[in-house]
PDB file of N, CA and C in Angstrom:
ATOM      1  N   MET A   1      13.602  24.363   8.609  1.00  0.00           N
ATOM      2  CA  MET A   1      12.715  23.252   8.306  1.00  0.00           C
ATOM      3  C   MET A   1      12.574  23.050   6.791  1.00  0.00           C
ATOM      4  N   LYS A   2      12.575  24.160   6.044  1.00  0.00           N
ATOM      5  CA  LYS A   2      12.439  24.041   4.597  1.00  0.00           C
ATOM      6  C   LYS A   2      13.601  23.263   3.996  1.00  0.00           C
ATOM      7  N   LYS A   3      14.808  23.490   4.501  1.00  0.00           N
ATOM      8  CA  LYS A   3      15.975  22.776   3.983  1.00  0.00           C
ATOM      9  C   LYS A   3      15.829  21.266   4.207  1.00  0.00           C
ATOM     10  N   LEU A   4      15.344  20.872   5.391  1.00  0.00           N
ATOM     11  CA  LEU A   4      15.123  19.458   5.677  1.00  0.00           C
ATOM     12  C   LEU A   4      14.070  18.883   4.734  1.00  0.00           C
ATOM     13  N   THR A   5      12.991  19.612   4.531  1.00  0.00           N
ATOM     14  CA  THR A   5      11.929  19.160   3.629  1.00  0.00           C
ATOM     15  C   THR A   5      12.465  18.997   2.214  1.00  0.00           C
ATOM     16  N   ASP A   6      13.246  19.968   1.762  1.00  0.00           N
ATOM     17  CA  ASP A   6      13.847  19.884   0.424  1.00  0.00           C
ATOM     18  C   ASP A   6      14.770  18.675   0.313  1.00  0.00           C
ATOM     19  N   THR A   7      15.559  18.437   1.341  1.00  0.00           N
ATOM     20  CA  THR A   7      16.482  17.299   1.347  1.00  0.00           C
ATOM     21  C   THR A   7      15.712  15.983   1.297  1.00  0.00           C
ATOM     22  N   LEU A   8      14.655  15.883   2.093  1.00  0.00           N
ATOM     23  CA  LEU A   8      13.849  14.655   2.089  1.00  0.00           C
ATOM     24  C   LEU A   8      13.200  14.428   0.730  1.00  0.00           C
ATOM     25  N   LEU A   9      12.676  15.485   0.121  1.00  0.00           N
ATOM     26  CA  LEU A   9      12.057  15.355  -1.191  1.00  0.00           C
ATOM     27  C   LEU A   9      13.078  14.908  -2.228  1.00  0.00           C
ATOM     28  N   LEU A  10      14.237  15.515  -2.234  1.00  0.00           N
ATOM     29  CA  LEU A  10      15.268  15.123  -3.190  1.00  0.00           C
ATOM     30  C   LEU A  10      15.719  13.686  -2.977  1.00  0.00           C
ATOM     31  N   THR A  11      15.840  13.282  -1.723  1.00  0.00           N
ATOM     32  CA  THR A  11      16.215  11.897  -1.424  1.00  0.00           C
ATOM     33  C   THR A  11      15.147  10.933  -1.918  1.00  0.00           C
ATOM     34  N   PHE A  12      13.881  11.273  -1.678  1.00  0.00           N
ATOM     35  CA  PHE A  12      12.778  10.433  -2.143  1.00  0.00           C
ATOM     36  C   PHE A  12      12.793  10.313  -3.669  1.00  0.00           C
ATOM     37  N   LEU A  13      12.949  11.418  -4.366  1.00  0.00           N
ATOM     38  CA  LEU A  13      12.996  11.390  -5.830  1.00  0.00           C
ATOM     39  C   LEU A  13      14.190  10.593  -6.339  1.00  0.00           C
ATOM     40  N   GLN A  14      15.320  10.706  -5.642  1.00  0.00           N
ATOM     41  CA  GLN A  14      16.499   9.912  -5.999  1.00  0.00           C
ATOM     42  C   GLN A  14      16.205   8.424  -5.807  1.00  0.00           C
ATOM     43  N   HIS A  15      15.551   8.083  -4.731  1.00  0.00           N
ATOM     44  CA  HIS A  15      15.195   6.683  -4.482  1.00  0.00           C
ATOM     45  C   HIS A  15      14.268   6.153  -5.567  1.00  0.00           C
ATOM     46  N   ILE A  16      13.338   6.967  -6.034  1.00  0.00           N
ATOM     47  CA  ILE A  16      12.473   6.544  -7.146  1.00  0.00           C
ATOM     48  C   ILE A  16      13.333   6.254  -8.369  1.00  0.00           C
ATOM     49  N   ASP A  17      14.252   7.170  -8.697  1.00  0.00           N
ATOM     50  CA  ASP A  17      15.142   6.977  -9.849  1.00  0.00           C
ATOM     51  C   ASP A  17      15.996   5.719  -9.719  1.00  0.00           C
ATOM     52  N   GLU A  18      16.378   5.383  -8.489  1.00  0.00           N
ATOM     53  CA  GLU A  18      17.222   4.210  -8.245  1.00  0.00           C
ATOM     54  C   GLU A  18      16.421   2.915  -8.130  1.00  0.00           C
ATOM     55  N   GLY A  19      15.104   3.006  -8.134  1.00  0.00           N
ATOM     56  CA  GLY A  19      14.276   1.811  -8.045  1.00  0.00           C
ATOM     57  C   GLY A  19      13.979   1.341  -6.636  1.00  0.00           C
ATOM     58  N   VAL A  20      14.335   2.157  -5.636  1.00  0.00           N
ATOM     59  CA  VAL A  20      14.016   1.790  -4.253  1.00  0.00           C
ATOM     60  C   VAL A  20      12.501   1.790  -4.067  1.00  0.00           C
ATOM     61  N   TRP A  21      11.851   2.784  -4.627  1.00  0.00           N
ATOM     62  CA  TRP A  21      10.396   2.901  -4.600  1.00  0.00           C
ATOM     63  C   TRP A  21       9.877   2.767  -6.022  1.00  0.00           C
ATOM     64  N   ARG A  22       8.740   2.109  -6.171  1.00  0.00           N
ATOM     65  CA  ARG A  22       8.062   2.048  -7.464  1.00  0.00           C
ATOM     66  C   ARG A  22       6.740   2.779  -7.298  1.00  0.00           C
ATOM     67  N   VAL A  23       6.570   3.854  -8.023  1.00  0.00           N
ATOM     68  CA  VAL A  23       5.362   4.665  -7.916  1.00  0.00           C
ATOM     69  C   VAL A  23       4.360   4.176  -8.951  1.00  0.00           C
ATOM     70  N   VAL A  24       3.169   3.838  -8.490  1.00  0.00           N
ATOM     71  CA  VAL A  24       2.109   3.329  -9.355  1.00  0.00           C
ATOM     72  C   VAL A  24       0.956   4.336  -9.337  1.00  0.00           C
ATOM     73  N   PRO A  25       0.522   4.792 -10.504  1.00  0.00           N
ATOM     74  CA  PRO A  25      -0.559   5.778 -10.525  1.00  0.00           C
ATOM     75  C   PRO A  25      -1.870   5.206  -9.991  1.00  0.00           C
ATOM     76  N   VAL A  26      -2.626   6.046  -9.328  1.00  0.00           N
ATOM     77  CA  VAL A  26      -3.965   5.671  -8.872  1.00  0.00           C
ATOM     78  C   VAL A  26      -4.902   5.954 -10.033  1.00  0.00           C
ATOM     79  N   THR A  27      -5.393   4.885 -10.638  1.00  0.00           N
ATOM     80  CA  THR A  27      -6.274   5.009 -11.801  1.00  0.00           C
ATOM     81  C   THR A  27      -7.709   4.667 -11.411  1.00  0.00           C
ATOM     82  N   GLU A  28      -8.613   4.959 -12.305  1.00  0.00           N
ATOM     83  CA  GLU A  28     -10.011   4.590 -12.070  1.00  0.00           C
ATOM     84  C   GLU A  28     -10.137   3.075 -11.930  1.00  0.00           C
ATOM     85  N   ARG A  29      -9.413   2.321 -12.749  1.00  0.00           N
ATOM     86  CA  ARG A  29      -9.467   0.856 -12.667  1.00  0.00           C
ATOM     87  C   ARG A  29      -9.012   0.371 -11.294  1.00  0.00           C
ATOM     88  N   LEU A  30      -7.934   0.950 -10.781  1.00  0.00           N
ATOM     89  CA  LEU A  30      -7.445   0.568  -9.463  1.00  0.00           C
ATOM     90  C   LEU A  30      -8.500   0.851  -8.398  1.00  0.00           C
ATOM     91  N   LEU A  31      -9.097   2.026  -8.437  1.00  0.00           N
ATOM     92  CA  LEU A  31     -10.109   2.369  -7.440  1.00  0.00           C
ATOM     93  C   LEU A  31     -11.336   1.465  -7.548  1.00  0.00           C
ATOM     94  N   ARG A  32     -11.702   1.086  -8.759  1.00  0.00           N
ATOM     95  CA  ARG A  32     -12.816   0.139  -8.917  1.00  0.00           C
ATOM     96  C   ARG A  32     -12.448  -1.227  -8.339  1.00  0.00           C
ATOM     97  N   ASN A  33     -11.196  -1.643  -8.524  1.00  0.00           N
ATOM     98  CA  ASN A  33     -10.733  -2.908  -7.936  1.00  0.00           C
ATOM     99  C   ASN A  33     -10.787  -2.853  -6.415  1.00  0.00           C
ATOM    100  N   VAL A  34     -10.428  -1.718  -5.850  1.00  0.00           N
ATOM    101  CA  VAL A  34     -10.499  -1.562  -4.392  1.00  0.00           C
ATOM    102  C   VAL A  34     -11.919  -1.810  -3.923  1.00  0.00           C
ATOM    103  N   SER A  35     -12.885  -1.168  -4.570  1.00  0.00           N
ATOM    104  CA  SER A  35     -14.261  -1.269  -4.097  1.00  0.00           C
ATOM    105  C   SER A  35     -14.926  -2.582  -4.501  1.00  0.00           C
ATOM    106  N   PHE A  36     -14.578  -3.127  -5.667  1.00  0.00           N
ATOM    107  CA  PHE A  36     -15.251  -4.333  -6.144  1.00  0.00           C
ATOM    108  C   PHE A  36     -14.631  -5.622  -5.605  1.00  0.00           C
ATOM    109  N   ASN A  37     -13.344  -5.770  -5.793  1.00  0.00           N
ATOM    110  CA  ASN A  37     -12.684  -7.024  -5.431  1.00  0.00           C
ATOM    111  C   ASN A  37     -12.393  -7.169  -3.944  1.00  0.00           C
ATOM    112  N   PHE A  38     -12.120  -6.087  -3.293  1.00  0.00           N
ATOM    113  CA  PHE A  38     -11.666  -6.158  -1.918  1.00  0.00           C
ATOM    114  C   PHE A  38     -12.520  -5.310  -1.000  1.00  0.00           C
ATOM    115  N   ASN A  39     -13.836  -5.336  -1.202  1.00  0.00           N
ATOM    116  CA  ASN A  39     -14.656  -4.460  -0.363  1.00  0.00           C
ATOM    117  C   ASN A  39     -14.677  -4.951   1.069  1.00  0.00           C
ATOM    118  N   VAL A  40     -14.852  -4.008   1.964  1.00  0.00           N
ATOM    119  CA  VAL A  40     -14.749  -4.280   3.395  1.00  0.00           C
ATOM    120  C   VAL A  40     -15.753  -5.331   3.845  1.00  0.00           C
ATOM    121  N   GLY A  41     -16.899  -5.397   3.202  1.00  0.00           N
ATOM    122  CA  GLY A  41     -17.924  -6.365   3.575  1.00  0.00           C
ATOM    123  C   GLY A  41     -17.494  -7.809   3.416  1.00  0.00           C
ATOM    124  N   ARG A  42     -16.467  -8.059   2.639  1.00  0.00           N
ATOM    125  CA  ARG A  42     -15.979  -9.426   2.430  1.00  0.00           C
ATOM    126  C   ARG A  42     -14.950  -9.850   3.469  1.00  0.00           C
ATOM    127  N   LEU A  43     -14.491  -8.922   4.263  1.00  0.00           N
ATOM    128  CA  LEU A  43     -13.477  -9.236   5.269  1.00  0.00           C
ATOM    129  C   LEU A  43     -14.130  -9.687   6.569  1.00  0.00           C
ATOM    130  N   PRO A  44     -13.445 -10.519   7.339  1.00  0.00           N
ATOM    131  CA  PRO A  44     -13.974 -10.907   8.653  1.00  0.00           C
ATOM    132  C   PRO A  44     -14.221  -9.676   9.528  1.00  0.00           C
ATOM    133  N   ALA A  45     -15.170  -9.792  10.417  1.00  0.00           N
ATOM    134  CA  ALA A  45     -15.593  -8.662  11.247  1.00  0.00           C
ATOM    135  C   ALA A  45     -14.448  -8.047  12.045  1.00  0.00           C
ATOM    136  N   GLY A  46     -13.468  -8.817  12.452  1.00  0.00           N
ATOM    137  CA  GLY A  46     -12.387  -8.303  13.278  1.00  0.00           C
ATOM    138  C   GLY A  46     -11.281  -7.582  12.525  1.00  0.00           C
ATOM    139  N   VAL A  47     -11.348  -7.555  11.200  1.00  0.00           N
ATOM    140  CA  VAL A  47     -10.297  -6.912  10.408  1.00  0.00           C
ATOM    141  C   VAL A  47     -10.659  -5.439  10.224  1.00  0.00           C
ATOM    142  N   TYR A  48      -9.794  -4.570  10.724  1.00  0.00           N
ATOM    143  CA  TYR A  48      -9.985  -3.134  10.613  1.00  0.00           C
ATOM    144  C   TYR A  48      -9.212  -2.656   9.395  1.00  0.00           C
ATOM    145  N   LEU A  49      -9.925  -2.233   8.361  1.00  0.00           N
ATOM    146  CA  LEU A  49      -9.282  -1.825   7.111  1.00  0.00           C
ATOM    147  C   LEU A  49      -9.643  -0.385   6.788  1.00  0.00           C
ATOM    148  N   ARG A  50      -8.637   0.453   6.715  1.00  0.00           N
ATOM    149  CA  ARG A  50      -8.836   1.850   6.342  1.00  0.00           C
ATOM    150  C   ARG A  50      -8.733   1.982   4.830  1.00  0.00           C
ATOM    151  N   ALA A  51      -9.318   3.042   4.289  1.00  0.00           N
ATOM    152  CA  ALA A  51      -9.344   3.251   2.836  1.00  0.00           C
ATOM    153  C   ALA A  51      -7.931   3.275   2.257  1.00  0.00           C
ATOM    154  N   GLY A  52      -7.029   3.991   2.905  1.00  0.00           N
ATOM    155  CA  GLY A  52      -5.653   4.064   2.390  1.00  0.00           C
ATOM    156  C   GLY A  52      -4.970   2.710   2.380  1.00  0.00           C
ATOM    157  N   ASP A  53      -5.233   1.909   3.406  1.00  0.00           N
ATOM    158  CA  ASP A  53      -4.666   0.555   3.459  1.00  0.00           C
ATOM    159  C   ASP A  53      -5.228  -0.302   2.326  1.00  0.00           C
ATOM    160  N   ALA A  54      -6.524  -0.163   2.073  1.00  0.00           N
ATOM    161  CA  ALA A  54      -7.150  -0.920   0.978  1.00  0.00           C
ATOM    162  C   ALA A  54      -6.523  -0.545  -0.361  1.00  0.00           C
ATOM    163  N   VAL A  55      -6.242   0.734  -0.561  1.00  0.00           N
ATOM    164  CA  VAL A  55      -5.596   1.170  -1.802  1.00  0.00           C
ATOM    165  C   VAL A  55      -4.186   0.587  -1.893  1.00  0.00           C
ATOM    166  N   HIS A  56      -3.419   0.652  -0.805  1.00  0.00           N
ATOM    167  CA  HIS A  56      -2.057   0.099  -0.822  1.00  0.00           C
ATOM    168  C   HIS A  56      -2.069  -1.405  -1.104  1.00  0.00           C
ATOM    169  N   LEU A  57      -2.935  -2.129  -0.419  1.00  0.00           N
ATOM    170  CA  LEU A  57      -2.969  -3.586  -0.580  1.00  0.00           C
ATOM    171  C   LEU A  57      -3.479  -3.992  -1.955  1.00  0.00           C
ATOM    172  N   THR A  58      -4.479  -3.287  -2.464  1.00  0.00           N
ATOM    173  CA  THR A  58      -4.980  -3.585  -3.805  1.00  0.00           C
ATOM    174  C   THR A  58      -3.916  -3.289  -4.847  1.00  0.00           C
ATOM    175  N   THR A  59      -3.211  -2.187  -4.684  1.00  0.00           N
ATOM    176  CA  THR A  59      -2.131  -1.841  -5.613  1.00  0.00           C
ATOM    177  C   THR A  59      -1.060  -2.920  -5.600  1.00  0.00           C
ATOM    178  N   ALA A  60      -0.650  -3.349  -4.415  1.00  0.00           N
ATOM    179  CA  ALA A  60       0.365  -4.399  -4.316  1.00  0.00           C
ATOM    180  C   ALA A  60      -0.118  -5.686  -4.977  1.00  0.00           C
ATOM    181  N   ALA A  61      -1.366  -6.064  -4.713  1.00  0.00           N
ATOM    182  CA  ALA A  61      -1.915  -7.284  -5.328  1.00  0.00           C
ATOM    183  C   ALA A  61      -1.982  -7.138  -6.852  1.00  0.00           C
ATOM    184  N   ASP A  62      -2.439  -5.993  -7.329  1.00  0.00           N
ATOM    185  CA  ASP A  62      -2.505  -5.742  -8.774  1.00  0.00           C
ATOM    186  C   ASP A  62      -1.140  -5.815  -9.444  1.00  0.00           C
ATOM    187  N   GLN A  63      -0.112  -5.402  -8.717  1.00  0.00           N
ATOM    188  CA  GLN A  63       1.244  -5.388  -9.268  1.00  0.00           C
ATOM    189  C   GLN A  63       1.959  -6.726  -9.112  1.00  0.00           C
ATOM    190  N   GLY A  64       1.261  -7.705  -8.528  1.00  0.00           N
ATOM    191  CA  GLY A  64       1.843  -9.038  -8.378  1.00  0.00           C
ATOM    192  C   GLY A  64       2.828  -9.161  -7.237  1.00  0.00           C
ATOM    193  N   GLU A  65       2.776  -8.222  -6.299  1.00  0.00           N
ATOM    194  CA  GLU A  65       3.684  -8.287  -5.153  1.00  0.00           C
ATOM    195  C   GLU A  65       3.253  -9.418  -4.215  1.00  0.00           C
ATOM    196  N   SER A  66       4.211 -10.079  -3.616  1.00  0.00           N
ATOM    197  CA  SER A  66       3.894 -11.177  -2.705  1.00  0.00           C
ATOM    198  C   SER A  66       3.960 -10.756  -1.246  1.00  0.00           C
ATOM    199  N   GLU A  67       4.544  -9.584  -0.986  1.00  0.00           N
ATOM    200  CA  GLU A  67       4.658  -9.107   0.382  1.00  0.00           C
ATOM    201  C   GLU A  67       4.636  -7.582   0.416  1.00  0.00           C
ATOM    202  N   ILE A  68       4.305  -7.083   1.602  1.00  0.00           N
ATOM    203  CA  ILE A  68       4.306  -5.645   1.820  1.00  0.00           C
ATOM    204  C   ILE A  68       4.953  -5.393   3.180  1.00  0.00           C
ATOM    205  N   TRP A  69       5.823  -4.395   3.243  1.00  0.00           N
ATOM    206  CA  TRP A  69       6.571  -4.092   4.463  1.00  0.00           C
ATOM    207  C   TRP A  69       5.999  -2.843   5.104  1.00  0.00           C
ATOM    208  N   THR A  70       5.701  -2.917   6.398  1.00  0.00           N
ATOM    209  CA  THR A  70       5.133  -1.781   7.110  1.00  0.00           C
ATOM    210  C   THR A  70       5.288  -1.972   8.611  1.00  0.00           C
ATOM    211  N   ASN A  71       5.117  -0.903   9.349  1.00  0.00           N
ATOM    212  CA  ASN A  71       5.045  -1.013  10.799  1.00  0.00           C
ATOM    213  C   ASN A  71       3.620  -0.747  11.276  1.00  0.00           C
ATOM    214  N   ASP A  72       2.678  -0.700  10.340  1.00  0.00           N
ATOM    215  CA  ASP A  72       1.280  -0.423  10.641  1.00  0.00           C
ATOM    216  C   ASP A  72       0.546  -1.728  10.966  1.00  0.00           C
ATOM    217  N   ARG A  73       0.087  -1.865  12.193  1.00  0.00           N
ATOM    218  CA  ARG A  73      -0.512  -3.131  12.634  1.00  0.00           C
ATOM    219  C   ARG A  73      -1.810  -3.454  11.893  1.00  0.00           C
ATOM    220  N   HIS A  74      -2.582  -2.449  11.512  1.00  0.00           N
ATOM    221  CA  HIS A  74      -3.830  -2.706  10.799  1.00  0.00           C
ATOM    222  C   HIS A  74      -3.552  -3.213   9.382  1.00  0.00           C
ATOM    223  N   LEU A  75      -2.595  -2.589   8.716  1.00  0.00           N
ATOM    224  CA  LEU A  75      -2.229  -3.033   7.372  1.00  0.00           C
ATOM    225  C   LEU A  75      -1.654  -4.442   7.417  1.00  0.00           C
ATOM    226  N   LEU A  76      -0.816  -4.718   8.421  1.00  0.00           N
ATOM    227  CA  LEU A  76      -0.255  -6.063   8.580  1.00  0.00           C
ATOM    228  C   LEU A  76      -1.355  -7.105   8.773  1.00  0.00           C
ATOM    229  N   ALA A  77      -2.339  -6.787   9.601  1.00  0.00           N
ATOM    230  CA  ALA A  77      -3.418  -7.733   9.886  1.00  0.00           C
ATOM    231  C   ALA A  77      -4.291  -7.988   8.667  1.00  0.00           C
ATOM    232  N   ALA A  78      -4.433  -7.003   7.798  1.00  0.00           N
ATOM    233  CA  ALA A  78      -5.299  -7.142   6.622  1.00  0.00           C
ATOM    234  C   ALA A  78      -4.584  -7.752   5.421  1.00  0.00           C
ATOM    235  N   ALA A  79      -3.273  -7.703   5.392  1.00  0.00           N
ATOM    236  CA  ALA A  79      -2.505  -8.113   4.207  1.00  0.00           C
ATOM    237  C   ALA A  79      -2.847  -9.519   3.723  1.00  0.00           C
ATOM    238  N   GLY A  80      -2.937 -10.462   4.624  1.00  0.00           N
ATOM    239  CA  GLY A  80      -3.215 -11.842   4.233  1.00  0.00           C
ATOM    240  C   GLY A  80      -4.541 -12.008   3.506  1.00  0.00           C
ATOM    241  N   HIS A  81      -5.493 -11.135   3.787  1.00  0.00           N
ATOM    242  CA  HIS A  81      -6.798 -11.202   3.122  1.00  0.00           C
ATOM    243  C   HIS A  81      -6.719 -10.726   1.673  1.00  0.00           C
ATOM    244  N   PHE A  82      -5.585 -10.150   1.300  1.00  0.00           N
ATOM    245  CA  PHE A  82      -5.353  -9.714  -0.073  1.00  0.00           C
ATOM    246  C   PHE A  82      -4.361 -10.638  -0.774  1.00  0.00           C
ATOM    247  N   GLY A  83      -4.014 -11.740  -0.114  1.00  0.00           N
ATOM    248  CA  GLY A  83      -3.057 -12.680  -0.697  1.00  0.00           C
ATOM    249  C   GLY A  83      -1.621 -12.200  -0.637  1.00  0.00           C
ATOM    250  N   ILE A  84      -1.335 -11.315   0.313  1.00  0.00           N
ATOM    251  CA  ILE A  84      -0.004 -10.719   0.429  1.00  0.00           C
ATOM    252  C   ILE A  84       0.515 -10.980   1.841  1.00  0.00           C
ATOM    253  N   ALA A  85       1.777 -11.325   1.948  1.00  0.00           N
ATOM    254  CA  ALA A  85       2.391 -11.509   3.258  1.00  0.00           C
ATOM    255  C   ALA A  85       2.752 -10.148   3.837  1.00  0.00           C
ATOM    256  N   GLY A  86       2.292  -9.885   5.046  1.00  0.00           N
ATOM    257  CA  GLY A  86       2.662  -8.652   5.734  1.00  0.00           C
ATOM    258  C   GLY A  86       3.965  -8.852   6.476  1.00  0.00           C
ATOM    259  N   ARG A  87       4.932  -7.987   6.240  1.00  0.00           N
ATOM    260  CA  ARG A  87       6.232  -8.069   6.892  1.00  0.00           C
ATOM    261  C   ARG A  87       6.431  -6.826   7.741  1.00  0.00           C
ATOM    262  N   LYS A  88       6.767  -7.042   9.007  1.00  0.00           N
ATOM    263  CA  LYS A  88       6.960  -5.926   9.919  1.00  0.00           C
ATOM    264  C   LYS A  88       8.338  -5.312   9.768  1.00  0.00           C
ATOM    265  N   VAL A  89       8.370  -4.000   9.666  1.00  0.00           N
ATOM    266  CA  VAL A  89       9.626  -3.258   9.545  1.00  0.00           C
ATOM    267  C   VAL A  89      10.240  -3.135  10.920  1.00  0.00           C
TER     268      VAL A  89
END
């Protein structure tokens, strides 16, 4: 199992180097944006938003992304409320 984990980690790091993934630091400003600009109280009652999803969507919005790709139905349902198109993987 360790060999598989090592291989996955190396592949992930290689993908970062190749630009497949863009890693954005979680800063105090980002966390304040999550709570201030996109707080759960502003969303319609039927939108289920988890903290991690709020961080992902706020980060994408802050970075000027127009879409986010996921297979997570809750993140997909909330994406439009952040001005981002949710795309199903």
